[in-house]
Protein backbone atom coordinates (compact mmCIF):
# COMPACT_ATOMS: atom_id res chain seq x y z
CA MET A 1 87.59 -47.02 -1.06
CA ASN A 2 88.37 -50.71 -0.55
CA ALA A 3 88.80 -50.07 3.18
CA LEU A 4 85.37 -48.41 3.36
CA ILE A 5 83.73 -51.31 1.53
CA ARG A 6 85.46 -53.84 3.79
CA PHE A 7 84.49 -51.88 6.92
CA ILE A 8 80.80 -51.62 6.06
CA SER A 9 80.70 -55.24 4.88
CA GLY A 10 82.35 -56.25 8.16
CA LEU A 11 79.81 -54.22 10.11
CA SER A 12 76.99 -55.96 8.22
CA ARG A 13 78.55 -59.35 9.02
CA LEU A 14 78.91 -58.41 12.69
CA LEU A 15 75.24 -57.45 12.88
CA GLY A 16 74.38 -60.71 11.12
CA ILE A 17 76.23 -62.63 13.83
CA LEU A 18 74.44 -60.63 16.52
CA ALA A 19 71.09 -61.36 14.83
CA ALA A 20 71.89 -65.07 14.76
CA LEU A 21 72.84 -65.00 18.45
CA LEU A 22 69.54 -63.29 19.26
CA LEU A 23 67.67 -66.02 17.37
CA ILE A 24 69.59 -68.72 19.25
CA ALA A 25 68.85 -66.98 22.56
CA GLY A 26 65.18 -66.82 21.62
CA VAL A 27 65.09 -70.55 20.88
CA LEU A 28 66.85 -71.38 24.16
CA VAL A 29 64.43 -69.21 26.12
CA VAL A 30 61.46 -70.92 24.45
CA VAL A 31 62.90 -74.32 25.43
CA GLN A 32 63.40 -73.08 28.99
CA MET A 33 59.86 -71.69 29.08
CA VAL A 34 58.35 -74.96 27.86
CA PHE A 35 60.36 -76.91 30.43
CA LEU A 36 59.27 -74.59 33.26
CA ARG A 37 55.61 -74.65 32.28
CA TYR A 38 55.12 -78.29 31.44
CA ALA A 39 57.78 -80.20 33.38
CA LEU A 40 57.82 -78.11 36.55
CA SER A 41 54.32 -76.56 36.30
CA GLU A 42 55.73 -73.10 37.02
CA SER A 43 54.54 -69.86 35.52
CA THR A 44 56.69 -67.76 33.25
CA SER A 45 56.78 -63.99 33.30
CA TRP A 46 59.42 -62.58 30.98
CA GLN A 47 60.12 -65.30 28.43
CA THR A 48 57.45 -64.54 25.83
CA GLU A 49 58.30 -60.86 25.86
CA PHE A 50 62.03 -61.56 25.57
CA VAL A 51 61.52 -63.88 22.61
CA THR A 52 59.32 -61.31 20.86
CA TYR A 53 61.88 -58.54 21.34
CA ALA A 54 64.78 -60.80 20.34
CA LEU A 55 63.07 -61.80 17.08
CA ILE A 56 62.22 -58.21 16.23
CA ALA A 57 65.75 -57.01 17.00
CA SER A 58 67.27 -59.84 14.96
CA THR A 59 65.13 -58.79 12.00
CA PHE A 60 66.38 -55.20 12.07
CA LEU A 61 69.98 -56.07 12.89
CA GLY A 62 70.17 -58.93 10.41
CA ALA A 63 68.83 -56.96 7.44
CA PRO A 64 72.22 -55.48 6.40
CA TYR A 65 73.78 -58.96 6.38
CA VAL A 66 70.94 -60.31 4.27
CA LEU A 67 71.50 -57.48 1.77
CA LEU A 68 75.25 -58.13 1.78
CA THR A 69 74.73 -61.81 0.96
CA ARG A 70 71.92 -61.10 -1.54
CA GLY A 71 69.43 -63.00 0.56
CA HIS A 72 66.51 -60.61 0.05
CA VAL A 73 63.70 -61.82 -2.12
CA ASN A 74 63.75 -60.15 -5.52
CA VAL A 75 62.15 -60.70 -8.88
CA GLU A 76 64.61 -60.63 -11.78
CA LEU A 77 62.02 -60.79 -14.54
CA VAL A 78 62.26 -57.11 -15.50
CA PRO A 79 66.07 -56.86 -15.25
CA LEU A 80 66.44 -60.00 -17.38
CA MET A 81 64.26 -58.49 -20.10
CA LEU A 82 66.31 -55.27 -20.21
CA GLY A 83 69.52 -54.56 -22.03
CA PRO A 84 72.73 -53.81 -20.10
CA LYS A 85 72.31 -50.00 -20.10
CA SER A 86 68.67 -50.11 -19.02
CA ARG A 87 69.52 -52.72 -16.39
CA PHE A 88 72.26 -50.40 -15.07
CA VAL A 89 69.83 -47.45 -14.87
CA LEU A 90 67.23 -49.61 -13.11
CA ALA A 91 69.85 -50.81 -10.61
CA LEU A 92 70.95 -47.21 -9.97
CA PHE A 93 67.34 -46.24 -9.33
CA ALA A 94 66.66 -49.26 -7.10
CA TYR A 95 69.80 -48.87 -4.96
CA SER A 96 69.41 -45.08 -4.68
CA THR A 97 65.76 -45.13 -3.68
CA SER A 98 66.35 -48.03 -1.27
CA ALA A 99 69.23 -46.17 0.38
CA LEU A 100 67.14 -43.00 0.63
CA LEU A 101 64.20 -44.87 2.13
CA CYS A 102 66.45 -46.58 4.67
CA PHE A 103 68.05 -43.26 5.65
CA ILE A 104 64.57 -41.79 6.18
CA LEU A 105 63.63 -44.81 8.30
CA THR A 106 66.89 -44.36 10.23
CA TYR A 107 65.93 -40.80 11.06
CA TYR A 108 62.40 -41.59 12.20
CA SER A 109 63.37 -44.71 14.11
CA TYR A 110 66.09 -42.66 15.83
CA LEU A 111 63.45 -40.14 16.92
CA PHE A 112 61.31 -43.01 18.24
CA TRP A 113 64.30 -44.52 20.07
CA TYR A 114 65.28 -41.13 21.50
CA GLU A 115 61.78 -40.53 22.83
CA ALA A 116 61.80 -43.94 24.54
CA TRP A 117 65.25 -43.23 26.00
CA SER A 118 64.63 -39.66 27.18
CA ALA A 119 61.19 -40.44 28.63
CA GLY A 120 62.39 -43.64 30.32
CA TRP A 121 59.79 -45.86 28.68
CA THR A 122 59.45 -49.35 30.10
CA SER A 123 57.26 -52.26 29.12
CA ASP A 124 53.92 -52.54 30.91
CA THR A 125 54.64 -56.10 32.01
CA ILE A 126 55.96 -57.58 35.25
CA TRP A 127 59.41 -57.83 33.71
CA GLY A 128 59.31 -54.16 32.60
CA PRO A 129 62.47 -53.84 30.49
CA LYS A 130 63.62 -50.40 29.40
CA LEU A 131 62.31 -50.07 25.87
CA TRP A 132 65.14 -47.89 24.54
CA LYS A 133 67.44 -50.92 24.68
CA ILE A 134 65.02 -52.86 22.52
CA TYR A 135 64.20 -50.00 20.15
CA LEU A 136 67.90 -49.29 19.52
CA SER A 137 67.97 -52.14 16.99
CA MET A 138 65.77 -50.11 14.63
CA PRO A 139 67.99 -47.06 13.96
CA VAL A 140 71.15 -49.20 14.07
CA GLY A 141 69.78 -51.74 11.59
CA PHE A 142 68.35 -49.10 9.25
CA PHE A 143 71.56 -47.05 9.36
CA VAL A 144 73.82 -49.98 8.54
CA ILE A 145 71.54 -51.24 5.76
CA SER A 146 71.60 -47.67 4.37
CA LEU A 147 75.38 -47.81 4.34
CA GLN A 148 75.28 -51.27 2.74
CA TYR A 149 73.05 -49.91 -0.03
CA LEU A 150 75.54 -47.08 -0.58
CA VAL A 151 78.36 -49.62 -0.82
CA ASP A 152 76.33 -51.60 -3.35
CA LEU A 153 75.71 -48.38 -5.28
CA LEU A 154 79.41 -47.53 -5.18
CA CYS A 155 80.33 -51.02 -6.41
CA LEU A 156 77.79 -50.70 -9.21
CA VAL A 157 79.03 -47.28 -10.35
CA THR A 158 82.70 -48.32 -10.24
CA GLY A 159 82.04 -51.55 -12.13
CA ARG A 160 82.89 -53.87 -9.24
CA GLU A 161 79.44 -55.45 -9.47
CA LEU A 162 77.05 -56.10 -12.33
CA PRO A 163 73.55 -54.63 -12.15
CA PHE A 164 71.41 -57.17 -10.28
CA HIS A 165 74.43 -59.52 -10.60
CA ILE A 166 73.27 -60.46 -14.09
CA ALA A 167 75.91 -60.74 -16.80
CA ASP A 168 75.13 -59.50 -20.29
CA VAL A 169 74.11 -62.29 -22.65
CA ASN A 170 76.81 -61.23 -25.12
CA GLU A 171 79.48 -61.41 -22.38
CA GLU A 172 78.35 -64.91 -21.36
CA ALA A 173 78.62 -66.16 -24.96
CA ALA A 174 82.21 -64.91 -25.30
């Protein structure tokens, strides 16, 4: 079980690195585009589209890493007001429904990706990249975040993690 947790956590970290590299590439392309347009007075054709696709892909691919590092925005008001057992039940519900939703999104984004791949969709711009390469970030990101939610659920059920990472008030006083 430890190997599975380490593997999925490593996969989430790897996608986080890839997302960061896509963001860096997007920034560099914006700098290049500004230089071409304003310093050399040349037109740009693919840069805006690349940056848009890179930012979207980094969002999907970076989501599992953000979950791994607890970077998602959450409101702890309700969990803080609950007792340990109720907090545990709420965490079970939250992780389970989140995993289920992400698996459903994996399925439908896979169908979308597959349609783009099998039909040979390309962008309607001069650059015209194959869209399946861009859309692949959706099912990959959703699948890995689904696995990360399952790991979080497993850690919760086995006692490796506290619900919402909140210690019981009685435990803190001891």
